[in-house]
Amino acid sequence: MTAMLSPEIVTVPSLVDRCDSCSAAGKAEIALTSGGSLVFCGHHANKNAGKLHPVATRITVGDGFEWLAQSPPA
């Protein structure tokens, strides 16, 4: 059985990168377990939260952004 660890969630004043899906201002940067990272606007981050949370090692969110996947999906 593999233990599922929750990714570290870090808040920063703001992100400088743009959303990889739509080029809007980035609100969340997801560091992936496979390497690399993805940046998403608030809409795309929360739309894909259930898929992103299990494959993330670290999630960096801009101050004031409410990441919907604060805990692993049930």
C-alpha atoms as a PDB file:
ATOM      1  CA  MET A   1       0.000   0.000   0.000  1.00  0.00           C
ATOM      2  CA  THR A   2       1.331   3.453  -0.926  1.00  0.00           C
ATOM      3  CA  ALA A   3       0.932   6.311   1.532  1.00  0.00           C
ATOM      4  CA  MET A   4      -0.707   9.365   0.019  1.00  0.00           C
ATOM      5  CA  LEU A   5       0.927  12.577   1.129  1.00  0.00           C
ATOM      6  CA  SER A   6      -0.720  15.956   0.875  1.00  0.00           C
ATOM      7  CA  PRO A   7       1.227  18.531  -1.101  1.00  0.00           C
ATOM      8  CA  GLU A   8       2.742  21.479   0.722  1.00  0.00           C
ATOM      9  CA  ILE A   9       0.549  24.563   0.216  1.00  0.00           C
ATOM     10  CA  VAL A  10       2.358  27.898   0.266  1.00  0.00           C
ATOM     11  CA  THR A  11       0.859  31.388   0.001  1.00  0.00           C
ATOM     12  CA  VAL A  12       2.796  34.193  -1.687  1.00  0.00           C
ATOM     13  CA  PRO A  13       1.822  37.837  -2.256  1.00  0.00           C
ATOM     14  CA  SER A  14       1.282  37.210  -5.989  1.00  0.00           C
ATOM     15  CA  LEU A  15       2.414  35.059  -8.899  1.00  0.00           C
ATOM     16  CA  VAL A  16       4.090  36.597 -11.946  1.00  0.00           C
ATOM     17  CA  ASP A  17       3.391  33.802 -14.442  1.00  0.00           C
ATOM     18  CA  ARG A  18       0.302  33.495 -16.621  1.00  0.00           C
ATOM     19  CA  CYS A  19      -2.204  30.620 -16.798  1.00  0.00           C
ATOM     20  CA  ASP A  20      -0.988  27.757 -18.993  1.00  0.00           C
ATOM     21  CA  SER A  21      -4.578  27.241 -20.209  1.00  0.00           C
ATOM     22  CA  CYS A  22      -5.815  30.743 -21.044  1.00  0.00           C
ATOM     23  CA  SER A  23      -3.007  33.256 -20.330  1.00  0.00           C
ATOM     24  CA  ALA A  24      -4.966  35.008 -17.555  1.00  0.00           C
ATOM     25  CA  ALA A  25      -3.079  36.074 -14.422  1.00  0.00           C
ATOM     26  CA  GLY A  26      -1.743  33.051 -12.547  1.00  0.00           C
ATOM     27  CA  LYS A  27      -3.283  32.331  -9.150  1.00  0.00           C
ATOM     28  CA  ALA A  28      -1.833  28.859  -8.450  1.00  0.00           C
ATOM     29  CA  GLU A  29       1.413  27.139  -9.417  1.00  0.00           C
ATOM     30  CA  ILE A  30       1.397  23.357  -9.143  1.00  0.00           C
ATOM     31  CA  ALA A  31       4.758  21.581  -8.782  1.00  0.00           C
ATOM     32  CA  LEU A  32       4.224  18.081 -10.174  1.00  0.00           C
ATOM     33  CA  THR A  33       5.524  14.819  -8.710  1.00  0.00           C
ATOM     34  CA  SER A  34       6.772  13.925 -12.201  1.00  0.00           C
ATOM     35  CA  GLY A  35       8.797  17.146 -12.392  1.00  0.00           C
ATOM     36  CA  GLY A  36       8.032  20.565 -13.789  1.00  0.00           C
ATOM     37  CA  SER A  37       5.152  22.782 -12.852  1.00  0.00           C
ATOM     38  CA  LEU A  38       1.926  24.229 -14.205  1.00  0.00           C
ATOM     39  CA  VAL A  39       0.415  27.664 -13.561  1.00  0.00           C
ATOM     40  CA  PHE A  40      -3.319  28.263 -13.616  1.00  0.00           C
ATOM     41  CA  CYS A  41      -5.701  31.185 -13.194  1.00  0.00           C
ATOM     42  CA  GLY A  42      -8.223  30.817 -10.376  1.00  0.00           C
ATOM     43  CA  HIS A  43     -10.897  29.390 -12.686  1.00  0.00           C
ATOM     44  CA  HIS A  44      -8.723  26.675 -14.209  1.00  0.00           C
ATOM     45  CA  ALA A  45      -6.985  25.843 -10.900  1.00  0.00           C
ATOM     46  CA  ASN A  46     -10.273  25.168  -9.136  1.00  0.00           C
ATOM     47  CA  LYS A  47     -11.878  23.534 -12.184  1.00  0.00           C
ATOM     48  CA  ASN A  48      -9.040  20.968 -12.186  1.00  0.00           C
ATOM     49  CA  ALA A  49      -8.335  20.887  -8.426  1.00  0.00           C
ATOM     50  CA  GLY A  50      -9.421  17.263  -8.022  1.00  0.00           C
ATOM     51  CA  LYS A  51      -6.983  16.119 -10.719  1.00  0.00           C
ATOM     52  CA  LEU A  52      -4.115  18.407  -9.716  1.00  0.00           C
ATOM     53  CA  HIS A  53      -4.054  17.769  -5.965  1.00  0.00           C
ATOM     54  CA  PRO A  54      -3.066  14.060  -6.191  1.00  0.00           C
ATOM     55  CA  VAL A  55      -0.132  14.745  -8.568  1.00  0.00           C
ATOM     56  CA  ALA A  56       1.270  17.809  -6.784  1.00  0.00           C
ATOM     57  CA  THR A  57       4.239  18.002  -4.443  1.00  0.00           C
ATOM     58  CA  ARG A  58       3.778  21.704  -3.745  1.00  0.00           C
ATOM     59  CA  ILE A  59       1.007  24.178  -4.488  1.00  0.00           C
ATOM     60  CA  THR A  60       1.815  27.872  -4.433  1.00  0.00           C
ATOM     61  CA  VAL A  61      -1.209  30.178  -4.345  1.00  0.00           C
ATOM     62  CA  GLY A  62      -1.471  33.932  -4.565  1.00  0.00           C
ATOM     63  CA  ASP A  63      -2.647  35.740  -1.436  1.00  0.00           C
ATOM     64  CA  GLY A  64      -6.447  35.928  -1.408  1.00  0.00           C
ATOM     65  CA  PHE A  65      -6.960  32.973  -3.759  1.00  0.00           C
ATOM     66  CA  GLU A  66      -9.123  30.193  -2.344  1.00  0.00           C
ATOM     67  CA  TRP A  67      -7.758  26.833  -3.538  1.00  0.00           C
ATOM     68  CA  LEU A  68     -10.695  24.407  -3.432  1.00  0.00           C
ATOM     69  CA  ALA A  69      -8.642  21.254  -2.891  1.00  0.00           C
ATOM     70  CA  GLN A  70      -7.277  21.982   0.595  1.00  0.00           C
ATOM     71  CA  SER A  71      -7.424  18.286   1.477  1.00  0.00           C
ATOM     72  CA  PRO A  72      -7.140  15.082  -0.560  1.00  0.00           C
ATOM     73  CA  PRO A  73     -10.307  13.991  -2.349  1.00  0.00           C
ATOM     74  CA  ALA A  74     -12.320  11.305  -0.541  1.00  0.00           C
END
